[in-house]
């Protein structure tokens, strides 16, 4: 079974490693007994499921969640059960990969219009005239 991120990208289950740890925060009597938080690890650099361009964008998007070895670590402890935290971690991974799958639109260089240049110069001359009028007669005495 695979984790579907986009119609073109599926991550194989063997590439995802999950471990359960104790969650911080509220949990009632079970807070010190059950390991409900999920730590999901996904090796972005060695993944065969991701195209190279998507992997590069994913590593840039991951930020602090990426280790020095290129492993993406997602911690999920929002819910009180392992199943819901596990589903949450997988959804967050899929959303991150889906966001990285969208290539950025290239920037096209444009030139300012003649009207915008005129407006800019008029506003500059207007500001200059305002500043010239500030000084009154006998200002330096």
C-alpha atoms as a PDB file:
ATOM      1  CA  UNK A   1       0.000   0.000   0.000  1.00  0.00           C
ATOM      2  CA  UNK A   2       1.225   3.524  -0.742  1.00  0.00           C
ATOM      3  CA  UNK A   3       0.574   7.033   0.536  1.00  0.00           C
ATOM      4  CA  UNK A   4      -1.039   9.025  -2.294  1.00  0.00           C
ATOM      5  CA  UNK A   5       0.204  12.636  -2.380  1.00  0.00           C
ATOM      6  CA  UNK A   6      -0.840  13.696  -5.896  1.00  0.00           C
ATOM      7  CA  UNK A   7      -2.280  11.705  -8.822  1.00  0.00           C
ATOM      8  CA  UNK A   8       1.299  11.282 -10.112  1.00  0.00           C
ATOM      9  CA  UNK A   9       3.193  10.829  -6.823  1.00  0.00           C
ATOM     10  CA  UNK A  10       2.757   7.941  -4.395  1.00  0.00           C
ATOM     11  CA  UNK A  11       5.135   7.212  -1.526  1.00  0.00           C
ATOM     12  CA  UNK A  12       5.799   3.552  -0.852  1.00  0.00           C
ATOM     13  CA  UNK A  13       5.120   2.329   2.703  1.00  0.00           C
ATOM     14  CA  UNK A  14       8.677   0.937   2.983  1.00  0.00           C
ATOM     15  CA  UNK A  15      10.084   4.486   2.682  1.00  0.00           C
ATOM     16  CA  UNK A  16       8.100   5.768   5.699  1.00  0.00           C
ATOM     17  CA  UNK A  17       9.336   4.972   9.202  1.00  0.00           C
ATOM     18  CA  UNK A  18       7.076   5.603  12.193  1.00  0.00           C
ATOM     19  CA  UNK A  19       7.883   5.467  15.879  1.00  0.00           C
ATOM     20  CA  UNK A  20       5.640   6.159  18.823  1.00  0.00           C
ATOM     21  CA  UNK A  21       6.838   8.362  21.676  1.00  0.00           C
ATOM     22  CA  UNK A  22       5.288   9.898  24.763  1.00  0.00           C
ATOM     23  CA  UNK A  23       3.360  13.058  24.013  1.00  0.00           C
ATOM     24  CA  UNK A  24       3.695  16.222  26.023  1.00  0.00           C
ATOM     25  CA  UNK A  25       0.619  18.102  27.148  1.00  0.00           C
ATOM     26  CA  UNK A  26      -2.797  16.888  28.314  1.00  0.00           C
ATOM     27  CA  UNK A  27      -3.624  13.206  28.460  1.00  0.00           C
ATOM     28  CA  UNK A  28      -5.192  12.495  31.797  1.00  0.00           C
ATOM     29  CA  UNK A  29      -4.203   9.313  33.608  1.00  0.00           C
ATOM     30  CA  UNK A  30      -2.608   7.827  30.512  1.00  0.00           C
ATOM     31  CA  UNK A  31      -0.154  10.657  29.852  1.00  0.00           C
ATOM     32  CA  UNK A  32       2.754   8.841  31.528  1.00  0.00           C
ATOM     33  CA  UNK A  33       1.762   5.324  30.424  1.00  0.00           C
ATOM     34  CA  UNK A  34       0.943   5.449  26.709  1.00  0.00           C
ATOM     35  CA  UNK A  35       3.099   6.482  23.785  1.00  0.00           C
ATOM     36  CA  UNK A  36       0.554   8.228  21.588  1.00  0.00           C
ATOM     37  CA  UNK A  37       2.677  10.794  19.746  1.00  0.00           C
ATOM     38  CA  UNK A  38       3.974   9.762  16.322  1.00  0.00           C
ATOM     39  CA  UNK A  39       7.367  10.624  14.900  1.00  0.00           C
ATOM     40  CA  UNK A  40       7.264  10.028  11.137  1.00  0.00           C
ATOM     41  CA  UNK A  41      10.598   9.875   9.280  1.00  0.00           C
ATOM     42  CA  UNK A  42      10.912  10.040   5.488  1.00  0.00           C
ATOM     43  CA  UNK A  43      14.289  10.008   3.721  1.00  0.00           C
ATOM     44  CA  UNK A  44      13.844  12.619   0.992  1.00  0.00           C
ATOM     45  CA  UNK A  45      17.315  12.205  -0.550  1.00  0.00           C
ATOM     46  CA  UNK A  46      17.103   8.437  -1.023  1.00  0.00           C
ATOM     47  CA  UNK A  47      13.430   8.272  -1.990  1.00  0.00           C
ATOM     48  CA  UNK A  48      12.640   6.512  -5.248  1.00  0.00           C
ATOM     49  CA  UNK A  49       9.053   7.765  -5.214  1.00  0.00           C
ATOM     50  CA  UNK A  50       9.866  11.454  -5.706  1.00  0.00           C
ATOM     51  CA  UNK A  51      11.156  13.081  -8.896  1.00  0.00           C
ATOM     52  CA  UNK A  52      14.398  15.015  -8.366  1.00  0.00           C
ATOM     53  CA  UNK A  53      12.812  18.461  -8.820  1.00  0.00           C
ATOM     54  CA  UNK A  54      10.084  17.665  -6.282  1.00  0.00           C
ATOM     55  CA  UNK A  55      12.652  16.326  -3.791  1.00  0.00           C
ATOM     56  CA  UNK A  56      14.705  19.540  -4.051  1.00  0.00           C
ATOM     57  CA  UNK A  57      11.625  21.729  -3.507  1.00  0.00           C
ATOM     58  CA  UNK A  58      10.498  19.489  -0.603  1.00  0.00           C
ATOM     59  CA  UNK A  59      13.876  19.871   1.111  1.00  0.00           C
ATOM     60  CA  UNK A  60      13.601  23.655   0.759  1.00  0.00           C
ATOM     61  CA  UNK A  61      10.016  23.632   2.101  1.00  0.00           C
ATOM     62  CA  UNK A  62      10.820  21.340   5.037  1.00  0.00           C
ATOM     63  CA  UNK A  63      13.087  23.874   6.736  1.00  0.00           C
ATOM     64  CA  UNK A  64      13.945  22.851  10.319  1.00  0.00           C
ATOM     65  CA  UNK A  65      12.085  19.563   9.961  1.00  0.00           C
ATOM     66  CA  UNK A  66      14.874  18.255   7.698  1.00  0.00           C
ATOM     67  CA  UNK A  67      17.924  16.641   9.313  1.00  0.00           C
ATOM     68  CA  UNK A  68      21.472  17.000   8.001  1.00  0.00           C
ATOM     69  CA  UNK A  69      21.175  13.604   6.300  1.00  0.00           C
ATOM     70  CA  UNK A  70      18.087  14.701   4.335  1.00  0.00           C
ATOM     71  CA  UNK A  71      15.504  12.932   6.494  1.00  0.00           C
ATOM     72  CA  UNK A  72      12.189  14.723   6.950  1.00  0.00           C
ATOM     73  CA  UNK A  73      10.864  14.375  10.527  1.00  0.00           C
ATOM     74  CA  UNK A  74       7.206  15.112  11.292  1.00  0.00           C
ATOM     75  CA  UNK A  75       6.002  15.015  14.904  1.00  0.00           C
ATOM     76  CA  UNK A  76       2.274  14.559  15.469  1.00  0.00           C
ATOM     77  CA  UNK A  77       0.807  14.756  18.979  1.00  0.00           C
ATOM     78  CA  UNK A  78      -2.334  16.818  18.452  1.00  0.00           C
ATOM     79  CA  UNK A  79      -4.703  13.936  19.273  1.00  0.00           C
ATOM     80  CA  UNK A  80      -4.912  11.496  22.171  1.00  0.00           C
ATOM     81  CA  UNK A  81      -4.803   8.275  20.129  1.00  0.00           C
ATOM     82  CA  UNK A  82      -2.031   6.709  18.110  1.00  0.00           C
ATOM     83  CA  UNK A  83      -4.298   6.122  15.116  1.00  0.00           C
ATOM     84  CA  UNK A  84      -5.371   9.761  14.798  1.00  0.00           C
ATOM     85  CA  UNK A  85      -1.824  11.066  15.314  1.00  0.00           C
ATOM     86  CA  UNK A  86      -0.541   8.583  12.735  1.00  0.00           C
ATOM     87  CA  UNK A  87      -3.171   9.723  10.208  1.00  0.00           C
ATOM     88  CA  UNK A  88      -2.353  13.359  10.999  1.00  0.00           C
ATOM     89  CA  UNK A  89       1.379  12.826  10.381  1.00  0.00           C
ATOM     90  CA  UNK A  90       0.696  11.070   7.065  1.00  0.00           C
ATOM     91  CA  UNK A  91      -1.708  13.818   5.954  1.00  0.00           C
ATOM     92  CA  UNK A  92       0.896  16.470   6.763  1.00  0.00           C
ATOM     93  CA  UNK A  93       3.549  14.579   4.781  1.00  0.00           C
ATOM     94  CA  UNK A  94       1.190  14.215   1.810  1.00  0.00           C
ATOM     95  CA  UNK A  95       0.289  17.917   1.952  1.00  0.00           C
ATOM     96  CA  UNK A  96       3.970  18.906   2.062  1.00  0.00           C
ATOM     97  CA  UNK A  97       4.801  16.683  -0.927  1.00  0.00           C
ATOM     98  CA  UNK A  98       1.765  17.984  -2.833  1.00  0.00           C
ATOM     99  CA  UNK A  99       2.904  21.562  -2.201  1.00  0.00           C
ATOM    100  CA  UNK A 100       6.425  20.701  -3.393  1.00  0.00           C
ATOM    101  CA  UNK A 101       5.011  19.026  -6.524  1.00  0.00           C
ATOM    102  CA  UNK A 102       3.704  22.343  -7.860  1.00  0.00           C
ATOM    103  CA  UNK A 103       6.504  24.010  -9.836  1.00  0.00           C
ATOM    104  CA  UNK A 104       6.933  27.728  -9.151  1.00  0.00           C
ATOM    105  CA  UNK A 105       5.823  30.074 -11.915  1.00  0.00           C
ATOM    106  CA  UNK A 106       8.825  31.766 -13.512  1.00  0.00           C
ATOM    107  CA  UNK A 107       9.056  35.519 -13.078  1.00  0.00           C
ATOM    108  CA  UNK A 108       8.833  37.560 -16.245  1.00  0.00           C
ATOM    109  CA  UNK A 109      10.723  40.842 -16.272  1.00  0.00           C
ATOM    110  CA  UNK A 110       8.483  43.817 -17.029  1.00  0.00           C
ATOM    111  CA  UNK A 111       9.159  47.504 -17.584  1.00  0.00           C
ATOM    112  CA  UNK A 112       7.327  50.349 -15.845  1.00  0.00           C
ATOM    113  CA  UNK A 113       4.768  52.131 -18.001  1.00  0.00           C
ATOM    114  CA  UNK A 114       5.246  55.727 -19.127  1.00  0.00           C
ATOM    115  CA  UNK A 115       2.278  56.835 -16.995  1.00  0.00           C
ATOM    116  CA  UNK A 116       3.767  55.223 -13.858  1.00  0.00           C
ATOM    117  CA  UNK A 117       7.116  56.948 -14.511  1.00  0.00           C
ATOM    118  CA  UNK A 118       5.323  60.317 -14.860  1.00  0.00           C
ATOM    119  CA  UNK A 119       3.331  59.736 -11.644  1.00  0.00           C
ATOM    120  CA  UNK A 120       6.545  58.899  -9.778  1.00  0.00           C
ATOM    121  CA  UNK A 121       8.363  62.018 -10.994  1.00  0.00           C
ATOM    122  CA  UNK A 122       5.339  64.241 -10.244  1.00  0.00           C
ATOM    123  CA  UNK A 123       5.071  62.891  -6.696  1.00  0.00           C
ATOM    124  CA  UNK A 124       8.818  63.448  -6.182  1.00  0.00           C
ATOM    125  CA  UNK A 125       8.604  67.065  -7.357  1.00  0.00           C
ATOM    126  CA  UNK A 126       5.493  67.590  -5.204  1.00  0.00           C
ATOM    127  CA  UNK A 127       7.287  66.261  -2.095  1.00  0.00           C
ATOM    128  CA  UNK A 128      10.276  68.490  -2.917  1.00  0.00           C
ATOM    129  CA  UNK A 129       8.075  71.579  -3.140  1.00  0.00           C
ATOM    130  CA  UNK A 130       6.443  70.747   0.209  1.00  0.00           C
ATOM    131  CA  UNK A 131       9.862  70.464   1.828  1.00  0.00           C
ATOM    132  CA  UNK A 132      11.058  73.727   0.222  1.00  0.00           C
ATOM    133  CA  UNK A 133       8.050  75.585   1.667  1.00  0.00           C
ATOM    134  CA  UNK A 134       8.754  74.357   5.221  1.00  0.00           C
ATOM    135  CA  UNK A 135      11.638  76.715   5.812  1.00  0.00           C
ATOM    136  CA  UNK A 136      10.359  80.189   6.654  1.00  0.00           C
ATOM    137  CA  UNK A 137      12.081  83.569   6.404  1.00  0.00           C
ATOM    138  CA  UNK A 138      14.837  84.160   8.955  1.00  0.00           C
ATOM    139  CA  UNK A 139      15.235  80.412   9.499  1.00  0.00           C
ATOM    140  CA  UNK A 140      18.990  80.376  10.198  1.00  0.00           C
ATOM    141  CA  UNK A 141      19.172  83.317  12.700  1.00  0.00           C
END
